[in-house]
Amino acid sequence: MRLLYGILNLYELIIFARVILSWVNADPYNPIIRFIHDITEPVLAPIRQLLPTERIGLDLSPLIVILIIQLIKRILI
């Protein structure tokens, strides 16, 4: 139970790091940047397809994923 909670916390931090990196001009060839992108994209992509990001011009998929992670953590406690 603690391991899953720790993994969820770590994934939440990685998603937050991706959001911060999207605000700056990060080198896309940096191995750390690629790792963060590769580990978060499989979760963010399906949510991005469901949201109307073209109309509002804002990607809310990281926020949705963080809210889902928070919900899962609340259920675990």
PDB file of N, CA and C in Angstrom:
ATOM      1  N   MET A   1       0.830  -1.186   0.000  1.00  0.00           N
ATOM      2  CA  MET A   1       0.000   0.000   0.000  1.00  0.00           C
ATOM      3  C   MET A   1       0.879   1.256   0.000  1.00  0.00           C
ATOM      4  N   ARG A   2       1.903   1.259   0.858  1.00  0.00           N
ATOM      5  CA  ARG A   2       2.800   2.419   0.909  1.00  0.00           C
ATOM      6  C   ARG A   2       3.594   2.553  -0.386  1.00  0.00           C
ATOM      7  N   LEU A   3       3.944   1.425  -0.982  1.00  0.00           N
ATOM      8  CA  LEU A   3       4.691   1.465  -2.239  1.00  0.00           C
ATOM      9  C   LEU A   3       3.853   2.108  -3.338  1.00  0.00           C
ATOM     10  N   LEU A   4       2.592   1.697  -3.443  1.00  0.00           N
ATOM     11  CA  LEU A   4       1.701   2.282  -4.452  1.00  0.00           C
ATOM     12  C   LEU A   4       1.491   3.772  -4.199  1.00  0.00           C
ATOM     13  N   TYR A   5       1.345   4.141  -2.941  1.00  0.00           N
ATOM     14  CA  TYR A   5       1.183   5.550  -2.584  1.00  0.00           C
ATOM     15  C   TYR A   5       2.430   6.352  -2.978  1.00  0.00           C
ATOM     16  N   GLY A   6       3.603   5.773  -2.739  1.00  0.00           N
ATOM     17  CA  GLY A   6       4.854   6.418  -3.118  1.00  0.00           C
ATOM     18  C   GLY A   6       5.003   6.553  -4.617  1.00  0.00           C
ATOM     19  N   ILE A   7       4.606   5.530  -5.354  1.00  0.00           N
ATOM     20  CA  ILE A   7       4.669   5.570  -6.818  1.00  0.00           C
ATOM     21  C   ILE A   7       3.737   6.649  -7.360  1.00  0.00           C
ATOM     22  N   LEU A   8       2.550   6.743  -6.782  1.00  0.00           N
ATOM     23  CA  LEU A   8       1.608   7.775  -7.218  1.00  0.00           C
ATOM     24  C   LEU A   8       2.151   9.174  -6.921  1.00  0.00           C
ATOM     25  N   ASN A   9       2.779   9.343  -5.770  1.00  0.00           N
ATOM     26  CA  ASN A   9       3.391  10.635  -5.448  1.00  0.00           C
ATOM     27  C   ASN A   9       4.495  10.981  -6.440  1.00  0.00           C
ATOM     28  N   LEU A  10       5.330  10.006  -6.762  1.00  0.00           N
ATOM     29  CA  LEU A  10       6.416  10.228  -7.704  1.00  0.00           C
ATOM     30  C   LEU A  10       5.874  10.582  -9.085  1.00  0.00           C
ATOM     31  N   TYR A  11       4.844   9.866  -9.536  1.00  0.00           N
ATOM     32  CA  TYR A  11       4.267  10.136 -10.850  1.00  0.00           C
ATOM     33  C   TYR A  11       3.632  11.528 -10.892  1.00  0.00           C
ATOM     34  N   GLU A  12       3.034  11.912  -9.804  1.00  0.00           N
ATOM     35  CA  GLU A  12       2.449  13.256  -9.710  1.00  0.00           C
ATOM     36  C   GLU A  12       3.543  14.321  -9.842  1.00  0.00           C
ATOM     37  N   LEU A  13       4.673  14.101  -9.203  1.00  0.00           N
ATOM     38  CA  LEU A  13       5.792  15.035  -9.322  1.00  0.00           C
ATOM     39  C   LEU A  13       6.351  15.073 -10.741  1.00  0.00           C
ATOM     40  N   ILE A  14       6.396  13.922 -11.395  1.00  0.00           N
ATOM     41  CA  ILE A  14       6.892  13.871 -12.769  1.00  0.00           C
ATOM     42  C   ILE A  14       5.955  14.640 -13.702  1.00  0.00           C
ATOM     43  N   ILE A  15       4.661  14.513 -13.507  1.00  0.00           N
ATOM     44  CA  ILE A  15       3.709  15.266 -14.320  1.00  0.00           C
ATOM     45  C   ILE A  15       3.860  16.766 -14.055  1.00  0.00           C
ATOM     46  N   PHE A  16       4.049  17.125 -12.799  1.00  0.00           N
ATOM     47  CA  PHE A  16       4.264  18.532 -12.469  1.00  0.00           C
ATOM     48  C   PHE A  16       5.542  19.046 -13.132  1.00  0.00           C
ATOM     49  N   ALA A  17       6.590  18.231 -13.151  1.00  0.00           N
ATOM     50  CA  ALA A  17       7.835  18.613 -13.822  1.00  0.00           C
ATOM     51  C   ALA A  17       7.599  18.816 -15.308  1.00  0.00           C
ATOM     52  N   ARG A  18       6.768  17.970 -15.912  1.00  0.00           N
ATOM     53  CA  ARG A  18       6.472  18.136 -17.335  1.00  0.00           C
ATOM     54  C   ARG A  18       5.754  19.452 -17.596  1.00  0.00           C
ATOM     55  N   VAL A  19       4.849  19.817 -16.717  1.00  0.00           N
ATOM     56  CA  VAL A  19       4.149  21.097 -16.873  1.00  0.00           C
ATOM     57  C   VAL A  19       5.147  22.251 -16.799  1.00  0.00           C
ATOM     58  N   ILE A  20       6.020  22.213 -15.824  1.00  0.00           N
ATOM     59  CA  ILE A  20       7.027  23.268 -15.682  1.00  0.00           C
ATOM     60  C   ILE A  20       7.931  23.302 -16.917  1.00  0.00           C
ATOM     61  N   LEU A  21       8.331  22.141 -17.413  1.00  0.00           N
ATOM     62  CA  LEU A  21       9.197  22.094 -18.592  1.00  0.00           C
ATOM     63  C   LEU A  21       8.495  22.598 -19.846  1.00  0.00           C
ATOM     64  N   SER A  22       7.172  22.504 -19.881  1.00  0.00           N
ATOM     65  CA  SER A  22       6.452  23.008 -21.050  1.00  0.00           C
ATOM     66  C   SER A  22       6.459  24.539 -21.086  1.00  0.00           C
ATOM     67  N   TRP A  23       6.722  25.170 -19.951  1.00  0.00           N
ATOM     68  CA  TRP A  23       6.756  26.627 -19.891  1.00  0.00           C
ATOM     69  C   TRP A  23       8.099  27.192 -20.318  1.00  0.00           C
ATOM     70  N   VAL A  24       9.144  26.389 -20.235  1.00  0.00           N
ATOM     71  CA  VAL A  24      10.495  26.852 -20.589  1.00  0.00           C
ATOM     72  C   VAL A  24      10.934  26.184 -21.881  1.00  0.00           C
ATOM     73  N   ASN A  25      11.979  26.685 -22.455  1.00  0.00           N
ATOM     74  CA  ASN A  25      12.492  26.131 -23.702  1.00  0.00           C
ATOM     75  C   ASN A  25      13.499  25.032 -23.369  1.00  0.00           C
ATOM     76  N   ALA A  26      13.000  23.858 -22.993  1.00  0.00           N
ATOM     77  CA  ALA A  26      13.865  22.741 -22.620  1.00  0.00           C
ATOM     78  C   ALA A  26      14.364  22.022 -23.875  1.00  0.00           C
ATOM     79  N   ASP A  27      15.573  21.514 -23.790  1.00  0.00           N
ATOM     80  CA  ASP A  27      16.183  20.786 -24.897  1.00  0.00           C
ATOM     81  C   ASP A  27      15.475  19.439 -25.072  1.00  0.00           C
ATOM     82  N   PRO A  28      14.769  19.216 -26.183  1.00  0.00           N
ATOM     83  CA  PRO A  28      14.037  17.955 -26.354  1.00  0.00           C
ATOM     84  C   PRO A  28      14.945  16.742 -26.517  1.00  0.00           C
ATOM     85  N   TYR A  29      16.239  16.951 -26.729  1.00  0.00           N
ATOM     86  CA  TYR A  29      17.168  15.837 -26.885  1.00  0.00           C
ATOM     87  C   TYR A  29      17.855  15.463 -25.577  1.00  0.00           C
ATOM     88  N   ASN A  30      17.581  16.204 -24.517  1.00  0.00           N
ATOM     89  CA  ASN A  30      18.127  15.887 -23.205  1.00  0.00           C
ATOM     90  C   ASN A  30      17.493  14.581 -22.725  1.00  0.00           C
ATOM     91  N   PRO A  31      18.294  13.621 -22.250  1.00  0.00           N
ATOM     92  CA  PRO A  31      17.738  12.330 -21.825  1.00  0.00           C
ATOM     93  C   PRO A  31      16.719  12.439 -20.695  1.00  0.00           C
ATOM     94  N   ILE A  32      16.907  13.378 -19.790  1.00  0.00           N
ATOM     95  CA  ILE A  32      15.954  13.527 -18.687  1.00  0.00           C
ATOM     96  C   ILE A  32      14.625  14.062 -19.208  1.00  0.00           C
ATOM     97  N   ILE A  33      14.686  15.027 -20.109  1.00  0.00           N
ATOM     98  CA  ILE A  33      13.460  15.587 -20.697  1.00  0.00           C
ATOM     99  C   ILE A  33      12.728  14.513 -21.490  1.00  0.00           C
ATOM    100  N   ARG A  34      13.460  13.726 -22.246  1.00  0.00           N
ATOM    101  CA  ARG A  34      12.841  12.644 -23.028  1.00  0.00           C
ATOM    102  C   ARG A  34      12.214  11.600 -22.113  1.00  0.00           C
ATOM    103  N   PHE A  35      12.882  11.273 -21.007  1.00  0.00           N
ATOM    104  CA  PHE A  35      12.337  10.317 -20.047  1.00  0.00           C
ATOM    105  C   PHE A  35      11.018  10.820 -19.476  1.00  0.00           C
ATOM    106  N   ILE A  36      10.991  12.083 -19.063  1.00  0.00           N
ATOM    107  CA  ILE A  36       9.764  12.662 -18.500  1.00  0.00           C
ATOM    108  C   ILE A  36       8.645  12.630 -19.536  1.00  0.00           C
ATOM    109  N   HIS A  37       8.964  12.972 -20.756  1.00  0.00           N
ATOM    110  CA  HIS A  37       7.960  12.943 -21.827  1.00  0.00           C
ATOM    111  C   HIS A  37       7.488  11.512 -22.088  1.00  0.00           C
ATOM    112  N   ASP A  38       8.418  10.579 -22.192  1.00  0.00           N
ATOM    113  CA  ASP A  38       8.066   9.194 -22.511  1.00  0.00           C
ATOM    114  C   ASP A  38       7.245   8.528 -21.411  1.00  0.00           C
ATOM    115  N   ILE A  39       7.478   8.888 -20.162  1.00  0.00           N
ATOM    116  CA  ILE A  39       6.763   8.239 -19.069  1.00  0.00           C
ATOM    117  C   ILE A  39       5.378   8.866 -18.832  1.00  0.00           C
ATOM    118  N   THR A  40       5.191  10.111 -19.241  1.00  0.00           N
ATOM    119  CA  THR A  40       3.899  10.762 -19.005  1.00  0.00           C
ATOM    120  C   THR A  40       2.975  10.740 -20.221  1.00  0.00           C
ATOM    121  N   GLU A  41       3.522  10.666 -21.392  1.00  0.00           N
ATOM    122  CA  GLU A  41       2.695  10.750 -22.612  1.00  0.00           C
ATOM    123  C   GLU A  41       1.652   9.639 -22.725  1.00  0.00           C
ATOM    124  N   PRO A  42       1.951   8.380 -22.357  1.00  0.00           N
ATOM    125  CA  PRO A  42       0.901   7.352 -22.459  1.00  0.00           C
ATOM    126  C   PRO A  42      -0.327   7.622 -21.599  1.00  0.00           C
ATOM    127  N   VAL A  43      -0.164   8.373 -20.529  1.00  0.00           N
ATOM    128  CA  VAL A  43      -1.311   8.696 -19.667  1.00  0.00           C
ATOM    129  C   VAL A  43      -1.988   9.980 -20.123  1.00  0.00           C
ATOM    130  N   LEU A  44      -1.204  10.946 -20.567  1.00  0.00           N
ATOM    131  CA  LEU A  44      -1.774  12.234 -20.954  1.00  0.00           C
ATOM    132  C   LEU A  44      -2.464  12.206 -22.320  1.00  0.00           C
ATOM    133  N   ALA A  45      -1.961  11.413 -23.248  1.00  0.00           N
ATOM    134  CA  ALA A  45      -2.493  11.403 -24.617  1.00  0.00           C
ATOM    135  C   ALA A  45      -3.976  11.027 -24.685  1.00  0.00           C
ATOM    136  N   PRO A  46      -4.422   9.953 -24.023  1.00  0.00           N
ATOM    137  CA  PRO A  46      -5.863   9.625 -24.107  1.00  0.00           C
ATOM    138  C   PRO A  46      -6.754  10.714 -23.517  1.00  0.00           C
ATOM    139  N   ILE A  47      -6.311  11.341 -22.448  1.00  0.00           N
ATOM    140  CA  ILE A  47      -7.107  12.411 -21.854  1.00  0.00           C
ATOM    141  C   ILE A  47      -7.119  13.627 -22.760  1.00  0.00           C
ATOM    142  N   ARG A  48      -5.998  13.900 -23.395  1.00  0.00           N
ATOM    143  CA  ARG A  48      -5.904  15.031 -24.328  1.00  0.00           C
ATOM    144  C   ARG A  48      -6.869  14.846 -25.501  1.00  0.00           C
ATOM    145  N   GLN A  49      -7.092  13.610 -25.920  1.00  0.00           N
ATOM    146  CA  GLN A  49      -8.015  13.351 -27.026  1.00  0.00           C
ATOM    147  C   GLN A  49      -9.466  13.613 -26.624  1.00  0.00           C
ATOM    148  N   LEU A  50      -9.768  13.457 -25.346  1.00  0.00           N
ATOM    149  CA  LEU A  50     -11.139  13.673 -24.871  1.00  0.00           C
ATOM    150  C   LEU A  50     -11.464  15.140 -24.621  1.00  0.00           C
ATOM    151  N   LEU A  51     -10.439  15.956 -24.376  1.00  0.00           N
ATOM    152  CA  LEU A  51     -10.663  17.368 -24.057  1.00  0.00           C
ATOM    153  C   LEU A  51     -10.585  18.240 -25.304  1.00  0.00           C
ATOM    154  N   PRO A  52     -11.381  19.289 -25.355  1.00  0.00           N
ATOM    155  CA  PRO A  52     -11.345  20.195 -26.520  1.00  0.00           C
ATOM    156  C   PRO A  52     -10.222  21.226 -26.400  1.00  0.00           C
ATOM    157  N   THR A  53      -8.974  20.788 -26.540  1.00  0.00           N
ATOM    158  CA  THR A  53      -7.842  21.704 -26.354  1.00  0.00           C
ATOM    159  C   THR A  53      -7.717  22.717 -27.483  1.00  0.00           C
ATOM    160  N   GLU A  54      -8.230  22.406 -28.658  1.00  0.00           N
ATOM    161  CA  GLU A  54      -8.123  23.344 -29.783  1.00  0.00           C
ATOM    162  C   GLU A  54      -8.948  24.600 -29.545  1.00  0.00           C
ATOM    163  N   ARG A  55     -10.111  24.435 -28.947  1.00  0.00           N
ATOM    164  CA  ARG A  55     -10.999  25.576 -28.736  1.00  0.00           C
ATOM    165  C   ARG A  55     -10.501  26.520 -27.651  1.00  0.00           C
ATOM    166  N   ILE A  56      -9.971  25.956 -26.581  1.00  0.00           N
ATOM    167  CA  ILE A  56      -9.553  26.817 -25.477  1.00  0.00           C
ATOM    168  C   ILE A  56      -8.070  27.155 -25.523  1.00  0.00           C
ATOM    169  N   GLY A  57      -7.295  26.411 -26.282  1.00  0.00           N
ATOM    170  CA  GLY A  57      -5.877  26.699 -26.428  1.00  0.00           C
ATOM    171  C   GLY A  57      -5.054  26.395 -25.190  1.00  0.00           C
ATOM    172  N   LEU A  58      -5.569  25.542 -24.319  1.00  0.00           N
ATOM    173  CA  LEU A  58      -4.893  25.213 -23.077  1.00  0.00           C
ATOM    174  C   LEU A  58      -4.999  23.712 -22.844  1.00  0.00           C
ATOM    175  N   ASP A  59      -3.872  23.081 -22.560  1.00  0.00           N
ATOM    176  CA  ASP A  59      -3.854  21.645 -22.315  1.00  0.00           C
ATOM    177  C   ASP A  59      -4.128  21.384 -20.839  1.00  0.00           C
ATOM    178  N   LEU A  60      -5.307  20.869 -20.559  1.00  0.00           N
ATOM    179  CA  LEU A  60      -5.699  20.596 -19.181  1.00  0.00           C
ATOM    180  C   LEU A  60      -5.476  19.148 -18.772  1.00  0.00           C
ATOM    181  N   SER A  61      -4.904  18.337 -19.655  1.00  0.00           N
ATOM    182  CA  SER A  61      -4.726  16.917 -19.346  1.00  0.00           C
ATOM    183  C   SER A  61      -3.844  16.676 -18.122  1.00  0.00           C
ATOM    184  N   PRO A  62      -2.755  17.430 -17.890  1.00  0.00           N
ATOM    185  CA  PRO A  62      -1.998  17.182 -16.654  1.00  0.00           C
ATOM    186  C   PRO A  62      -2.821  17.455 -15.396  1.00  0.00           C
ATOM    187  N   LEU A  63      -3.655  18.472 -15.436  1.00  0.00           N
ATOM    188  CA  LEU A  63      -4.506  18.777 -14.287  1.00  0.00           C
ATOM    189  C   LEU A  63      -5.489  17.637 -14.025  1.00  0.00           C
ATOM    190  N   ILE A  64      -6.080  17.104 -15.074  1.00  0.00           N
ATOM    191  CA  ILE A  64      -7.023  15.987 -14.932  1.00  0.00           C
ATOM    192  C   ILE A  64      -6.317  14.772 -14.350  1.00  0.00           C
ATOM    193  N   VAL A  65      -5.114  14.465 -14.849  1.00  0.00           N
ATOM    194  CA  VAL A  65      -4.370  13.302 -14.350  1.00  0.00           C
ATOM    195  C   VAL A  65      -3.996  13.494 -12.883  1.00  0.00           C
ATOM    196  N   ILE A  66      -3.570  14.690 -12.512  1.00  0.00           N
ATOM    197  CA  ILE A  66      -3.231  14.938 -11.110  1.00  0.00           C
ATOM    198  C   ILE A  66      -4.468  14.796 -10.226  1.00  0.00           C
ATOM    199  N   LEU A  67      -5.612  15.257 -10.695  1.00  0.00           N
ATOM    200  CA  LEU A  67      -6.855  15.086  -9.929  1.00  0.00           C
ATOM    201  C   LEU A  67      -7.221  13.612  -9.782  1.00  0.00           C
ATOM    202  N   ILE A  68      -7.015  12.829 -10.825  1.00  0.00           N
ATOM    203  CA  ILE A  68      -7.293  11.391 -10.759  1.00  0.00           C
ATOM    204  C   ILE A  68      -6.339  10.714  -9.777  1.00  0.00           C
ATOM    205  N   ILE A  69      -5.071  11.103  -9.809  1.00  0.00           N
ATOM    206  CA  ILE A  69      -4.097  10.542  -8.870  1.00  0.00           C
ATOM    207  C   ILE A  69      -4.488  10.900  -7.431  1.00  0.00           C
ATOM    208  N   GLN A  70      -4.908  12.141  -7.217  1.00  0.00           N
ATOM    209  CA  GLN A  70      -5.354  12.542  -5.887  1.00  0.00           C
ATOM    210  C   GLN A  70      -6.554  11.716  -5.427  1.00  0.00           C
ATOM    211  N   LEU A  71      -7.475  11.459  -6.324  1.00  0.00           N
ATOM    212  CA  LEU A  71      -8.641  10.639  -5.998  1.00  0.00           C
ATOM    213  C   LEU A  71      -8.224   9.218  -5.636  1.00  0.00           C
ATOM    214  N   ILE A  72      -7.330   8.639  -6.400  1.00  0.00           N
ATOM    215  CA  ILE A  72      -6.840   7.281  -6.112  1.00  0.00           C
ATOM    216  C   ILE A  72      -6.139   7.251  -4.753  1.00  0.00           C
ATOM    217  N   LYS A  73      -5.352   8.284  -4.459  1.00  0.00           N
ATOM    218  CA  LYS A  73      -4.664   8.332  -3.170  1.00  0.00           C
ATOM    219  C   LYS A  73      -5.664   8.451  -2.024  1.00  0.00           C
ATOM    220  N   ARG A  74      -6.728   9.201  -2.222  1.00  0.00           N
ATOM    221  CA  ARG A  74      -7.768   9.319  -1.171  1.00  0.00           C
ATOM    222  C   ARG A  74      -8.476   7.983  -0.947  1.00  0.00           C
ATOM    223  N   ILE A  75      -8.692   7.255  -2.024  1.00  0.00           N
ATOM    224  CA  ILE A  75      -9.349   5.949  -1.910  1.00  0.00           C
ATOM    225  C   ILE A  75      -8.441   4.974  -1.167  1.00  0.00           C
ATOM    226  N   LEU A  76      -7.135   5.061  -1.405  1.00  0.00           N
ATOM    227  CA  LEU A  76      -6.196   4.169  -0.736  1.00  0.00           C
ATOM    228  C   LEU A  76      -6.088   4.425   0.754  1.00  0.00           C
ATOM    229  N   ILE A  77      -6.284   5.663   1.155  1.00  0.00           N
ATOM    230  CA  ILE A  77      -6.173   5.994   2.595  1.00  0.00           C
ATOM    231  C   ILE A  77      -7.421   5.574   3.256  1.00  0.00           C
TER     232      ILE A  77
END
